[in-house]
Amino acid sequence: MDTKEKFKEFVKQNPILLKHVKEEKMTWQKFYEIYDMYGEDSEAWKDYITVGTTATAATATAASFDLMGFLKNLDLDSIQNGVNSMQRVLGLLQDMSSSKGTKQETSKPRPLYKHFED
């Protein structure tokens, strides 16, 4: 496997490098030169890889705190009332659908030869 292919695999393993390129802090050419000169396990990568993973962890932690705040602000009584209302509506719909089925079974078609209560 040549150096370009190894570099592509390295980038796939460290997608945070893409963020640096998109933010125009670095270019793929500069990353490739660092990779070619120092290799994968060099200290030269610590500024680009560990900073990104720390930022990702901080973002995940902030998202979990936002979720906790959202859960704390939920009004469980209003949710329960909404669920109960939906259950009543579904019960009514079920009763209406079952009553239509019984009417069709009990009603008999009028004989063709009878006219208006003959």
PDB file of N, CA and C in Angstrom:
ATOM      1  N   MET A   1       0.851  -1.181   0.000  1.00  0.00           N
ATOM      2  CA  MET A   1       0.000   0.000   0.000  1.00  0.00           C
ATOM      3  C   MET A   1       0.893   1.239   0.000  1.00  0.00           C
ATOM      4  N   ASP A   2       0.620   2.162  -0.889  1.00  0.00           N
ATOM      5  CA  ASP A   2       1.459   3.346  -0.972  1.00  0.00           C
ATOM      6  C   ASP A   2       1.040   4.393   0.067  1.00  0.00           C
ATOM      7  N   THR A   3       1.805   5.465   0.141  1.00  0.00           N
ATOM      8  CA  THR A   3       1.609   6.476   1.173  1.00  0.00           C
ATOM      9  C   THR A   3       0.257   7.175   1.045  1.00  0.00           C
ATOM     10  N   LYS A   4      -0.198   7.406  -0.174  1.00  0.00           N
ATOM     11  CA  LYS A   4      -1.492   8.073  -0.359  1.00  0.00           C
ATOM     12  C   LYS A   4      -2.623   7.238   0.218  1.00  0.00           C
ATOM     13  N   GLU A   5      -2.585   5.941  -0.050  1.00  0.00           N
ATOM     14  CA  GLU A   5      -3.637   5.058   0.456  1.00  0.00           C
ATOM     15  C   GLU A   5      -3.596   4.986   1.985  1.00  0.00           C
ATOM     16  N   LYS A   6      -2.400   4.949   2.547  1.00  0.00           N
ATOM     17  CA  LYS A   6      -2.264   4.923   4.009  1.00  0.00           C
ATOM     18  C   LYS A   6      -2.799   6.227   4.610  1.00  0.00           C
ATOM     19  N   PHE A   7      -2.523   7.352   3.925  1.00  0.00           N
ATOM     20  CA  PHE A   7      -3.025   8.645   4.398  1.00  0.00           C
ATOM     21  C   PHE A   7      -4.548   8.679   4.354  1.00  0.00           C
ATOM     22  N   LYS A   8      -5.144   8.132   3.309  1.00  0.00           N
ATOM     23  CA  LYS A   8      -6.601   8.084   3.205  1.00  0.00           C
ATOM     24  C   LYS A   8      -7.196   7.270   4.351  1.00  0.00           C
ATOM     25  N   GLU A   9      -6.571   6.151   4.681  1.00  0.00           N
ATOM     26  CA  GLU A   9      -7.048   5.334   5.808  1.00  0.00           C
ATOM     27  C   GLU A   9      -6.907   6.099   7.127  1.00  0.00           C
ATOM     28  N   PHE A  10      -5.801   6.844   7.266  1.00  0.00           N
ATOM     29  CA  PHE A  10      -5.577   7.640   8.468  1.00  0.00           C
ATOM     30  C   PHE A  10      -6.661   8.704   8.620  1.00  0.00           C
ATOM     31  N   VAL A  11      -7.040   9.332   7.519  1.00  0.00           N
ATOM     32  CA  VAL A  11      -8.094  10.359   7.553  1.00  0.00           C
ATOM     33  C   VAL A  11      -9.431   9.721   7.895  1.00  0.00           C
ATOM     34  N   LYS A  12      -9.702   8.521   7.375  1.00  0.00           N
ATOM     35  CA  LYS A  12     -10.957   7.831   7.707  1.00  0.00           C
ATOM     36  C   LYS A  12     -11.020   7.504   9.187  1.00  0.00           C
ATOM     37  N   GLN A  13      -9.887   7.209   9.792  1.00  0.00           N
ATOM     38  CA  GLN A  13      -9.848   6.897  11.225  1.00  0.00           C
ATOM     39  C   GLN A  13      -9.949   8.159  12.080  1.00  0.00           C
ATOM     40  N   ASN A  14      -9.591   9.298  11.510  1.00  0.00           N
ATOM     41  CA  ASN A  14      -9.607  10.573  12.243  1.00  0.00           C
ATOM     42  C   ASN A  14     -10.414  11.612  11.468  1.00  0.00           C
ATOM     43  N   PRO A  15     -11.737  11.507  11.471  1.00  0.00           N
ATOM     44  CA  PRO A  15     -12.555  12.440  10.678  1.00  0.00           C
ATOM     45  C   PRO A  15     -12.514  13.881  11.187  1.00  0.00           C
ATOM     46  N   ILE A  16     -11.932  14.100  12.351  1.00  0.00           N
ATOM     47  CA  ILE A  16     -11.831  15.466  12.868  1.00  0.00           C
ATOM     48  C   ILE A  16     -10.937  16.325  11.975  1.00  0.00           C
ATOM     49  N   LEU A  17     -10.059  15.689  11.199  1.00  0.00           N
ATOM     50  CA  LEU A  17      -9.192  16.437  10.278  1.00  0.00           C
ATOM     51  C   LEU A  17     -10.014  17.174   9.224  1.00  0.00           C
ATOM     52  N   LEU A  18     -11.127  16.586   8.849  1.00  0.00           N
ATOM     53  CA  LEU A  18     -12.017  17.226   7.873  1.00  0.00           C
ATOM     54  C   LEU A  18     -12.529  18.565   8.386  1.00  0.00           C
ATOM     55  N   LYS A  19     -12.789  18.630   9.677  1.00  0.00           N
ATOM     56  CA  LYS A  19     -13.271  19.868  10.294  1.00  0.00           C
ATOM     57  C   LYS A  19     -12.231  20.982  10.148  1.00  0.00           C
ATOM     58  N   HIS A  20     -10.959  20.642  10.346  1.00  0.00           N
ATOM     59  CA  HIS A  20      -9.889  21.642  10.216  1.00  0.00           C
ATOM     60  C   HIS A  20      -9.788  22.150   8.780  1.00  0.00           C
ATOM     61  N   VAL A  21     -10.001  21.261   7.834  1.00  0.00           N
ATOM     62  CA  VAL A  21      -9.929  21.671   6.429  1.00  0.00           C
ATOM     63  C   VAL A  21     -11.126  22.547   6.074  1.00  0.00           C
ATOM     64  N   LYS A  22     -12.318  22.167   6.537  1.00  0.00           N
ATOM     65  CA  LYS A  22     -13.509  22.965   6.241  1.00  0.00           C
ATOM     66  C   LYS A  22     -13.435  24.360   6.852  1.00  0.00           C
ATOM     67  N   GLU A  23     -12.846  24.456   8.040  1.00  0.00           N
ATOM     68  CA  GLU A  23     -12.700  25.750   8.694  1.00  0.00           C
ATOM     69  C   GLU A  23     -11.506  26.533   8.147  1.00  0.00           C
ATOM     70  N   GLU A  24     -10.833  25.965   7.167  1.00  0.00           N
ATOM     71  CA  GLU A  24      -9.686  26.576   6.487  1.00  0.00           C
ATOM     72  C   GLU A  24      -8.531  26.882   7.435  1.00  0.00           C
ATOM     73  N   LYS A  25      -8.393  26.059   8.471  1.00  0.00           N
ATOM     74  CA  LYS A  25      -7.239  26.181   9.357  1.00  0.00           C
ATOM     75  C   LYS A  25      -6.036  25.449   8.768  1.00  0.00           C
ATOM     76  N   MET A  26      -6.305  24.391   8.009  1.00  0.00           N
ATOM     77  CA  MET A  26      -5.267  23.588   7.368  1.00  0.00           C
ATOM     78  C   MET A  26      -5.748  23.187   5.981  1.00  0.00           C
ATOM     79  N   THR A  27      -4.805  22.653   5.189  1.00  0.00           N
ATOM     80  CA  THR A  27      -5.169  22.114   3.881  1.00  0.00           C
ATOM     81  C   THR A  27      -4.800  20.640   3.852  1.00  0.00           C
ATOM     82  N   TRP A  28      -5.388  19.922   2.910  1.00  0.00           N
ATOM     83  CA  TRP A  28      -5.064  18.501   2.781  1.00  0.00           C
ATOM     84  C   TRP A  28      -3.591  18.329   2.425  1.00  0.00           C
ATOM     85  N   GLN A  29      -3.058  19.256   1.654  1.00  0.00           N
ATOM     86  CA  GLN A  29      -1.653  19.175   1.267  1.00  0.00           C
ATOM     87  C   GLN A  29      -0.750  19.242   2.497  1.00  0.00           C
ATOM     88  N   LYS A  30      -1.050  20.171   3.407  1.00  0.00           N
ATOM     89  CA  LYS A  30      -0.229  20.301   4.625  1.00  0.00           C
ATOM     90  C   LYS A  30      -0.375  19.067   5.512  1.00  0.00           C
ATOM     91  N   PHE A  31      -1.597  18.556   5.633  1.00  0.00           N
ATOM     92  CA  PHE A  31      -1.797  17.337   6.410  1.00  0.00           C
ATOM     93  C   PHE A  31      -1.016  16.168   5.804  1.00  0.00           C
ATOM     94  N   TYR A  32      -1.050  16.076   4.494  1.00  0.00           N
ATOM     95  CA  TYR A  32      -0.329  14.989   3.829  1.00  0.00           C
ATOM     96  C   TYR A  32       1.174  15.121   4.051  1.00  0.00           C
ATOM     97  N   GLU A  33       1.689  16.345   3.998  1.00  0.00           N
ATOM     98  CA  GLU A  33       3.119  16.549   4.222  1.00  0.00           C
ATOM     99  C   GLU A  33       3.512  16.158   5.646  1.00  0.00           C
ATOM    100  N   ILE A  34       2.677  16.513   6.626  1.00  0.00           N
ATOM    101  CA  ILE A  34       2.943  16.108   8.015  1.00  0.00           C
ATOM    102  C   ILE A  34       2.931  14.593   8.123  1.00  0.00           C
ATOM    103  N   TYR A  35       1.955  13.984   7.485  1.00  0.00           N
ATOM    104  CA  TYR A  35       1.845  12.522   7.521  1.00  0.00           C
ATOM    105  C   TYR A  35       3.059  11.869   6.867  1.00  0.00           C
ATOM    106  N   ASP A  36       3.474  12.416   5.738  1.00  0.00           N
ATOM    107  CA  ASP A  36       4.593  11.830   5.003  1.00  0.00           C
ATOM    108  C   ASP A  36       5.901  11.999   5.776  1.00  0.00           C
ATOM    109  N   MET A  37       6.074  13.119   6.446  1.00  0.00           N
ATOM    110  CA  MET A  37       7.328  13.389   7.159  1.00  0.00           C
ATOM    111  C   MET A  37       7.389  12.696   8.520  1.00  0.00           C
ATOM    112  N   TYR A  38       6.276  12.716   9.277  1.00  0.00           N
ATOM    113  CA  TYR A  38       6.322  12.246  10.657  1.00  0.00           C
ATOM    114  C   TYR A  38       5.605  10.918  10.890  1.00  0.00           C
ATOM    115  N   GLY A  39       4.659  10.559  10.045  1.00  0.00           N
ATOM    116  CA  GLY A  39       3.922   9.320  10.230  1.00  0.00           C
ATOM    117  C   GLY A  39       2.662   9.528  11.052  1.00  0.00           C
ATOM    118  N   GLU A  40       2.019   8.411  11.383  1.00  0.00           N
ATOM    119  CA  GLU A  40       0.732   8.467  12.101  1.00  0.00           C
ATOM    120  C   GLU A  40       0.884   8.747  13.588  1.00  0.00           C
ATOM    121  N   ASP A  41       1.908   8.230  14.207  1.00  0.00           N
ATOM    122  CA  ASP A  41       2.011   8.251  15.664  1.00  0.00           C
ATOM    123  C   ASP A  41       2.847   9.405  16.200  1.00  0.00           C
ATOM    124  N   SER A  42       3.035  10.433  15.420  1.00  0.00           N
ATOM    125  CA  SER A  42       3.879  11.546  15.818  1.00  0.00           C
ATOM    126  C   SER A  42       3.133  12.499  16.746  1.00  0.00           C
ATOM    127  N   GLU A  43       3.933  13.262  17.479  1.00  0.00           N
ATOM    128  CA  GLU A  43       3.378  14.310  18.343  1.00  0.00           C
ATOM    129  C   GLU A  43       2.821  15.474  17.523  1.00  0.00           C
ATOM    130  N   ALA A  44       3.139  15.524  16.248  1.00  0.00           N
ATOM    131  CA  ALA A  44       2.661  16.611  15.384  1.00  0.00           C
ATOM    132  C   ALA A  44       1.146  16.580  15.248  1.00  0.00           C
ATOM    133  N   TRP A  45       0.523  15.441  15.451  1.00  0.00           N
ATOM    134  CA  TRP A  45      -0.927  15.303  15.289  1.00  0.00           C
ATOM    135  C   TRP A  45      -1.715  15.707  16.530  1.00  0.00           C
ATOM    136  N   LYS A  46      -1.030  15.860  17.672  1.00  0.00           N
ATOM    137  CA  LYS A  46      -1.774  16.111  18.913  1.00  0.00           C
ATOM    138  C   LYS A  46      -2.577  17.405  18.861  1.00  0.00           C
ATOM    139  N   ASP A  47      -2.083  18.405  18.139  1.00  0.00           N
ATOM    140  CA  ASP A  47      -2.816  19.674  18.046  1.00  0.00           C
ATOM    141  C   ASP A  47      -4.082  19.552  17.219  1.00  0.00           C
ATOM    142  N   TYR A  48      -4.100  18.613  16.299  1.00  0.00           N
ATOM    143  CA  TYR A  48      -5.229  18.491  15.377  1.00  0.00           C
ATOM    144  C   TYR A  48      -6.225  17.416  15.791  1.00  0.00           C
ATOM    145  N   ILE A  49      -5.745  16.365  16.398  1.00  0.00           N
ATOM    146  CA  ILE A  49      -6.636  15.247  16.710  1.00  0.00           C
ATOM    147  C   ILE A  49      -7.202  15.350  18.118  1.00  0.00           C
ATOM    148  N   THR A  50      -6.384  15.625  19.133  1.00  0.00           N
ATOM    149  CA  THR A  50      -6.879  15.645  20.508  1.00  0.00           C
ATOM    150  C   THR A  50      -7.749  16.857  20.786  1.00  0.00           C
ATOM    151  N   VAL A  51      -7.450  17.984  20.178  1.00  0.00           N
ATOM    152  CA  VAL A  51      -8.283  19.184  20.370  1.00  0.00           C
ATOM    153  C   VAL A  51      -9.676  18.920  19.839  1.00  0.00           C
ATOM    154  N   GLY A  52      -9.775  18.277  18.721  1.00  0.00           N
ATOM    155  CA  GLY A  52     -11.068  17.974  18.125  1.00  0.00           C
ATOM    156  C   GLY A  52     -11.873  17.006  18.959  1.00  0.00           C
ATOM    157  N   THR A  53     -11.221  15.993  19.531  1.00  0.00           N
ATOM    158  CA  THR A  53     -11.951  15.025  20.332  1.00  0.00           C
ATOM    159  C   THR A  53     -12.409  15.650  21.640  1.00  0.00           C
ATOM    160  N   THR A  54     -11.613  16.577  22.197  1.00  0.00           N
ATOM    161  CA  THR A  54     -12.025  17.274  23.416  1.00  0.00           C
ATOM    162  C   THR A  54     -13.235  18.150  23.126  1.00  0.00           C
ATOM    163  N   ALA A  55     -13.220  18.829  21.987  1.00  0.00           N
ATOM    164  CA  ALA A  55     -14.355  19.677  21.621  1.00  0.00           C
ATOM    165  C   ALA A  55     -15.595  18.826  21.384  1.00  0.00           C
ATOM    166  N   THR A  56     -15.424  17.661  20.787  1.00  0.00           N
ATOM    167  CA  THR A  56     -16.564  16.779  20.552  1.00  0.00           C
ATOM    168  C   THR A  56     -17.136  16.285  21.873  1.00  0.00           C
ATOM    169  N   ALA A  57     -16.261  15.958  22.823  1.00  0.00           N
ATOM    170  CA  ALA A  57     -16.731  15.501  24.131  1.00  0.00           C
ATOM    171  C   ALA A  57     -17.462  16.624  24.860  1.00  0.00           C
ATOM    172  N   ALA A  58     -16.943  17.851  24.744  1.00  0.00           N
ATOM    173  CA  ALA A  58     -17.599  18.994  25.392  1.00  0.00           C
ATOM    174  C   ALA A  58     -18.968  19.241  24.774  1.00  0.00           C
ATOM    175  N   THR A  59     -19.079  19.091  23.465  1.00  0.00           N
ATOM    176  CA  THR A  59     -20.363  19.273  22.796  1.00  0.00           C
ATOM    177  C   THR A  59     -21.355  18.212  23.242  1.00  0.00           C
ATOM    178  N   ALA A  60     -20.907  16.975  23.368  1.00  0.00           N
ATOM    179  CA  ALA A  60     -21.785  15.894  23.818  1.00  0.00           C
ATOM    180  C   ALA A  60     -22.242  16.123  25.250  1.00  0.00           C
ATOM    181  N   THR A  61     -21.341  16.617  26.103  1.00  0.00           N
ATOM    182  CA  THR A  61     -21.696  16.899  27.491  1.00  0.00           C
ATOM    183  C   THR A  61     -22.719  18.031  27.552  1.00  0.00           C
ATOM    184  N   ALA A  62     -22.541  19.064  26.740  1.00  0.00           N
ATOM    185  CA  ALA A  62     -23.490  20.177  26.716  1.00  0.00           C
ATOM    186  C   ALA A  62     -24.856  19.706  26.232  1.00  0.00           C
ATOM    187  N   ALA A  63     -24.878  18.817  25.264  1.00  0.00           N
ATOM    188  CA  ALA A  63     -26.147  18.297  24.765  1.00  0.00           C
ATOM    189  C   ALA A  63     -26.862  17.489  25.840  1.00  0.00           C
ATOM    190  N   SER A  64     -26.110  16.734  26.643  1.00  0.00           N
ATOM    191  CA  SER A  64     -26.745  15.951  27.702  1.00  0.00           C
ATOM    192  C   SER A  64     -27.311  16.872  28.779  1.00  0.00           C
ATOM    193  N   PHE A  65     -26.640  17.996  29.081  1.00  0.00           N
ATOM    194  CA  PHE A  65     -27.182  18.944  30.045  1.00  0.00           C
ATOM    195  C   PHE A  65     -28.437  19.602  29.507  1.00  0.00           C
ATOM    196  N   ASP A  66     -28.485  19.899  28.220  1.00  0.00           N
ATOM    197  CA  ASP A  66     -29.696  20.464  27.624  1.00  0.00           C
ATOM    198  C   ASP A  66     -30.843  19.476  27.734  1.00  0.00           C
ATOM    199  N   LEU A  67     -30.584  18.208  27.532  1.00  0.00           N
ATOM    200  CA  LEU A  67     -31.608  17.178  27.653  1.00  0.00           C
ATOM    201  C   LEU A  67     -32.104  17.088  29.085  1.00  0.00           C
ATOM    202  N   MET A  68     -31.194  17.164  30.040  1.00  0.00           N
ATOM    203  CA  MET A  68     -31.602  17.113  31.449  1.00  0.00           C
ATOM    204  C   MET A  68     -32.465  18.323  31.802  1.00  0.00           C
ATOM    205  N   GLY A  69     -32.113  19.496  31.300  1.00  0.00           N
ATOM    206  CA  GLY A  69     -32.929  20.683  31.542  1.00  0.00           C
ATOM    207  C   GLY A  69     -34.310  20.544  30.934  1.00  0.00           C
ATOM    208  N   PHE A  70     -34.368  19.968  29.754  1.00  0.00           N
ATOM    209  CA  PHE A  70     -35.652  19.738  29.093  1.00  0.00           C
ATOM    210  C   PHE A  70     -36.510  18.783  29.917  1.00  0.00           C
ATOM    211  N   LEU A  71     -35.915  17.705  30.401  1.00  0.00           N
ATOM    212  CA  LEU A  71     -36.665  16.731  31.197  1.00  0.00           C
ATOM    213  C   LEU A  71     -37.139  17.327  32.520  1.00  0.00           C
ATOM    214  N   LYS A  72     -36.348  18.207  33.113  1.00  0.00           N
ATOM    215  CA  LYS A  72     -36.755  18.843  34.370  1.00  0.00           C
ATOM    216  C   LYS A  72     -37.947  19.762  34.173  1.00  0.00           C
ATOM    217  N   ASN A  73     -38.045  20.385  32.998  1.00  0.00           N
ATOM    218  CA  ASN A  73     -39.115  21.349  32.743  1.00  0.00           C
ATOM    219  C   ASN A  73     -40.396  20.714  32.227  1.00  0.00           C
ATOM    220  N   LEU A  74     -40.431  19.412  32.075  1.00  0.00           N
ATOM    221  CA  LEU A  74     -41.644  18.751  31.586  1.00  0.00           C
ATOM    222  C   LEU A  74     -42.727  18.767  32.658  1.00  0.00           C
ATOM    223  N   ASP A  75     -43.953  19.010  32.241  1.00  0.00           N
ATOM    224  CA  ASP A  75     -45.097  18.946  33.151  1.00  0.00           C
ATOM    225  C   ASP A  75     -45.762  17.594  32.951  1.00  0.00           C
ATOM    226  N   LEU A  76     -45.501  16.684  33.874  1.00  0.00           N
ATOM    227  CA  LEU A  76     -45.986  15.316  33.728  1.00  0.00           C
ATOM    228  C   LEU A  76     -47.511  15.225  33.792  1.00  0.00           C
ATOM    229  N   ASP A  77     -48.139  16.129  34.538  1.00  0.00           N
ATOM    230  CA  ASP A  77     -49.606  16.108  34.620  1.00  0.00           C
ATOM    231  C   ASP A  77     -50.237  16.431  33.263  1.00  0.00           C
ATOM    232  N   SER A  78     -49.693  17.412  32.556  1.00  0.00           N
ATOM    233  CA  SER A  78     -50.264  17.752  31.244  1.00  0.00           C
ATOM    234  C   SER A  78     -50.024  16.623  30.245  1.00  0.00           C
ATOM    235  N   ILE A  79     -48.894  15.954  30.347  1.00  0.00           N
ATOM    236  CA  ILE A  79     -48.639  14.810  29.459  1.00  0.00           C
ATOM    237  C   ILE A  79     -49.633  13.698  29.748  1.00  0.00           C
ATOM    238  N   GLN A  80     -49.877  13.436  31.036  1.00  0.00           N
ATOM    239  CA  GLN A  80     -50.833  12.384  31.416  1.00  0.00           C
ATOM    240  C   GLN A  80     -52.235  12.734  30.938  1.00  0.00           C
ATOM    241  N   ASN A  81     -52.625  14.011  31.042  1.00  0.00           N
ATOM    242  CA  ASN A  81     -53.935  14.429  30.547  1.00  0.00           C
ATOM    243  C   ASN A  81     -54.045  14.230  29.045  1.00  0.00           C
ATOM    244  N   GLY A  82     -52.999  14.544  28.319  1.00  0.00           N
ATOM    245  CA  GLY A  82     -52.997  14.350  26.874  1.00  0.00           C
ATOM    246  C   GLY A  82     -53.126  12.879  26.503  1.00  0.00           C
ATOM    247  N   VAL A  83     -52.423  12.019  27.233  1.00  0.00           N
ATOM    248  CA  VAL A  83     -52.497  10.574  26.967  1.00  0.00           C
ATOM    249  C   VAL A  83     -53.902  10.060  27.264  1.00  0.00           C
ATOM    250  N   ASN A  84     -54.495  10.519  28.364  1.00  0.00           N
ATOM    251  CA  ASN A  84     -55.854  10.090  28.703  1.00  0.00           C
ATOM    252  C   ASN A  84     -56.856  10.531  27.646  1.00  0.00           C
ATOM    253  N   SER A  85     -56.699  11.748  27.132  1.00  0.00           N
ATOM    254  CA  SER A  85     -57.591  12.230  26.080  1.00  0.00           C
ATOM    255  C   SER A  85     -57.471  11.377  24.829  1.00  0.00           C
ATOM    256  N   MET A  86     -56.267  11.042  24.465  1.00  0.00           N
ATOM    257  CA  MET A  86     -56.055  10.192  23.283  1.00  0.00           C
ATOM    258  C   MET A  86     -56.676   8.815  23.490  1.00  0.00           C
ATOM    259  N   GLN A  87     -56.580   8.278  24.707  1.00  0.00           N
ATOM    260  CA  GLN A  87     -57.181   6.975  24.989  1.00  0.00           C
ATOM    261  C   GLN A  87     -58.698   7.039  24.852  1.00  0.00           C
ATOM    262  N   ARG A  88     -59.305   8.130  25.321  1.00  0.00           N
ATOM    263  CA  ARG A  88     -60.756   8.276  25.195  1.00  0.00           C
ATOM    264  C   ARG A  88     -61.170   8.359  23.734  1.00  0.00           C
ATOM    265  N   VAL A  89     -60.438   9.131  22.938  1.00  0.00           N
ATOM    266  CA  VAL A  89     -60.749   9.267  21.512  1.00  0.00           C
ATOM    267  C   VAL A  89     -60.631   7.919  20.823  1.00  0.00           C
ATOM    268  N   LEU A  90     -59.568   7.194  21.113  1.00  0.00           N
ATOM    269  CA  LEU A  90     -59.395   5.872  20.509  1.00  0.00           C
ATOM    270  C   LEU A  90     -60.491   4.908  20.938  1.00  0.00           C
ATOM    271  N   GLY A  91     -60.918   4.999  22.185  1.00  0.00           N
ATOM    272  CA  GLY A  91     -62.016   4.161  22.662  1.00  0.00           C
ATOM    273  C   GLY A  91     -63.309   4.469  21.928  1.00  0.00           C
ATOM    274  N   LEU A  92     -63.599   5.765  21.724  1.00  0.00           N
ATOM    275  CA  LEU A  92     -64.805   6.146  20.991  1.00  0.00           C
ATOM    276  C   LEU A  92     -64.755   5.647  19.552  1.00  0.00           C
ATOM    277  N   LEU A  93     -63.623   5.797  18.910  1.00  0.00           N
ATOM    278  CA  LEU A  93     -63.479   5.312  17.537  1.00  0.00           C
ATOM    279  C   LEU A  93     -63.645   3.798  17.461  1.00  0.00           C
ATOM    280  N   GLN A  94     -63.121   3.119  18.451  1.00  0.00           N
ATOM    281  CA  GLN A  94     -63.252   1.667  18.473  1.00  0.00           C
ATOM    282  C   GLN A  94     -64.714   1.266  18.680  1.00  0.00           C
ATOM    283  N   ASP A  95     -65.415   1.969  19.569  1.00  0.00           N
ATOM    284  CA  ASP A  95     -66.838   1.681  19.787  1.00  0.00           C
ATOM    285  C   ASP A  95     -67.649   1.944  18.521  1.00  0.00           C
ATOM    286  N   MET A  96     -67.338   3.039  17.840  1.00  0.00           N
ATOM    287  CA  MET A  96     -68.071   3.366  16.615  1.00  0.00           C
ATOM    288  C   MET A  96     -67.817   2.322  15.536  1.00  0.00           C
ATOM    289  N   SER A  97     -66.603   1.853  15.418  1.00  0.00           N
ATOM    290  CA  SER A  97     -66.304   0.865  14.381  1.00  0.00           C
ATOM    291  C   SER A  97     -66.927  -0.483  14.724  1.00  0.00           C
ATOM    292  N   SER A  98     -66.985  -0.834  15.995  1.00  0.00           N
ATOM    293  CA  SER A  98     -67.595  -2.119  16.359  1.00  0.00           C
ATOM    294  C   SER A  98     -69.119  -2.055  16.251  1.00  0.00           C
ATOM    295  N   SER A  99     -69.734  -0.890  16.511  1.00  0.00           N
ATOM    296  CA  SER A  99     -71.189  -0.780  16.396  1.00  0.00           C
ATOM    297  C   SER A  99     -71.632  -0.813  14.938  1.00  0.00           C
ATOM    298  N   LYS A 100     -70.830  -0.293  14.029  1.00  0.00           N
ATOM    299  CA  LYS A 100     -71.168  -0.368  12.609  1.00  0.00           C
ATOM    300  C   LYS A 100     -71.165  -1.805  12.133  1.00  0.00           C
ATOM    301  N   GLY A 101     -70.272  -2.598  12.636  1.00  0.00           N
ATOM    302  CA  GLY A 101     -70.198  -4.006  12.248  1.00  0.00           C
ATOM    303  C   GLY A 101     -71.412  -4.787  12.712  1.00  0.00           C
ATOM    304  N   THR A 102     -71.936  -4.469  13.904  1.00  0.00           N
ATOM    305  CA  THR A 102     -73.108  -5.197  14.407  1.00  0.00           C
ATOM    306  C   THR A 102     -74.361  -4.799  13.646  1.00  0.00           C
ATOM    307  N   LYS A 103     -74.490  -3.542  13.230  1.00  0.00           N
ATOM    308  CA  LYS A 103     -75.671  -3.128  12.474  1.00  0.00           C
ATOM    309  C   LYS A 103     -75.739  -3.848  11.142  1.00  0.00           C
ATOM    310  N   GLN A 104     -74.643  -4.023  10.511  1.00  0.00           N
ATOM    311  CA  GLN A 104     -74.638  -4.701   9.222  1.00  0.00           C
ATOM    312  C   GLN A 104     -75.027  -6.163   9.390  1.00  0.00           C
ATOM    313  N   GLU A 105     -74.663  -6.746  10.489  1.00  0.00           N
ATOM    314  CA  GLU A 105     -75.001  -8.157  10.700  1.00  0.00           C
ATOM    315  C   GLU A 105     -76.484  -8.339  11.026  1.00  0.00           C
ATOM    316  N   THR A 106     -77.089  -7.408  11.773  1.00  0.00           N
ATOM    317  CA  THR A 106     -78.481  -7.578  12.204  1.00  0.00           C
ATOM    318  C   THR A 106     -79.481  -7.129  11.146  1.00  0.00           C
ATOM    319  N   SER A 107     -79.118  -6.215  10.300  1.00  0.00           N
ATOM    320  CA  SER A 107     -80.081  -5.752   9.305  1.00  0.00           C
ATOM    321  C   SER A 107     -80.193  -6.775   8.176  1.00  0.00           C
ATOM    322  N   LYS A 108     -81.454  -6.955   7.714  1.00  0.00           N
ATOM    323  CA  LYS A 108     -81.710  -7.898   6.635  1.00  0.00           C
ATOM    324  C   LYS A 108     -82.187  -7.124   5.419  1.00  0.00           C
ATOM    325  N   PRO A 109     -81.776  -7.510   4.261  1.00  0.00           N
ATOM    326  CA  PRO A 109     -82.246  -6.792   3.074  1.00  0.00           C
ATOM    327  C   PRO A 109     -83.740  -7.009   2.863  1.00  0.00           C
ATOM    328  N   ARG A 110     -84.413  -6.011   2.362  1.00  0.00           N
ATOM    329  CA  ARG A 110     -85.837  -6.062   2.086  1.00  0.00           C
ATOM    330  C   ARG A 110     -86.079  -6.956   0.874  1.00  0.00           C
ATOM    331  N   PRO A 111     -87.072  -7.809   0.925  1.00  0.00           N
ATOM    332  CA  PRO A 111     -87.366  -8.654  -0.237  1.00  0.00           C
ATOM    333  C   PRO A 111     -87.756  -7.795  -1.434  1.00  0.00           C
ATOM    334  N   LEU A 112     -87.402  -8.244  -2.606  1.00  0.00           N
ATOM    335  CA  LEU A 112     -87.647  -7.474  -3.815  1.00  0.00           C
ATOM    336  C   LEU A 112     -89.137  -7.340  -4.143  1.00  0.00           C
ATOM    337  N   TYR A 113     -89.952  -8.290  -3.788  1.00  0.00           N
ATOM    338  CA  TYR A 113     -91.348  -8.255  -4.160  1.00  0.00           C
ATOM    339  C   TYR A 113     -92.205  -7.431  -3.208  1.00  0.00           C
ATOM    340  N   LYS A 114     -91.691  -7.007  -2.051  1.00  0.00           N
ATOM    341  CA  LYS A 114     -92.477  -6.206  -1.123  1.00  0.00           C
ATOM    342  C   LYS A 114     -92.293  -4.727  -1.428  1.00  0.00           C
ATOM    343  N   HIS A 115     -93.396  -3.978  -1.390  1.00  0.00           N
ATOM    344  CA  HIS A 115     -93.357  -2.546  -1.605  1.00  0.00           C
ATOM    345  C   HIS A 115     -94.027  -1.869  -0.419  1.00  0.00           C
ATOM    346  N   PHE A 116     -93.382  -0.994   0.212  1.00  0.00           N
ATOM    347  CA  PHE A 116     -93.924  -0.154   1.298  1.00  0.00           C
ATOM    348  C   PHE A 116     -94.917  -0.853   2.184  1.00  0.00           C
ATOM    349  N   GLU A 117     -94.432  -1.774   2.920  1.00  0.00           N
ATOM    350  CA  GLU A 117     -95.233  -2.477   3.927  1.00  0.00           C
ATOM    351  C   GLU A 117     -96.426  -3.220   3.346  1.00  0.00           C
ATOM    352  N   ASP A 118     -96.302  -3.830   2.234  1.00  0.00           N
ATOM    353  CA  ASP A 118     -97.395  -4.631   1.637  1.00  0.00           C
ATOM    354  C   ASP A 118     -97.624  -5.900   2.419  1.00  0.00           C
TER     355      ASP A 118
END
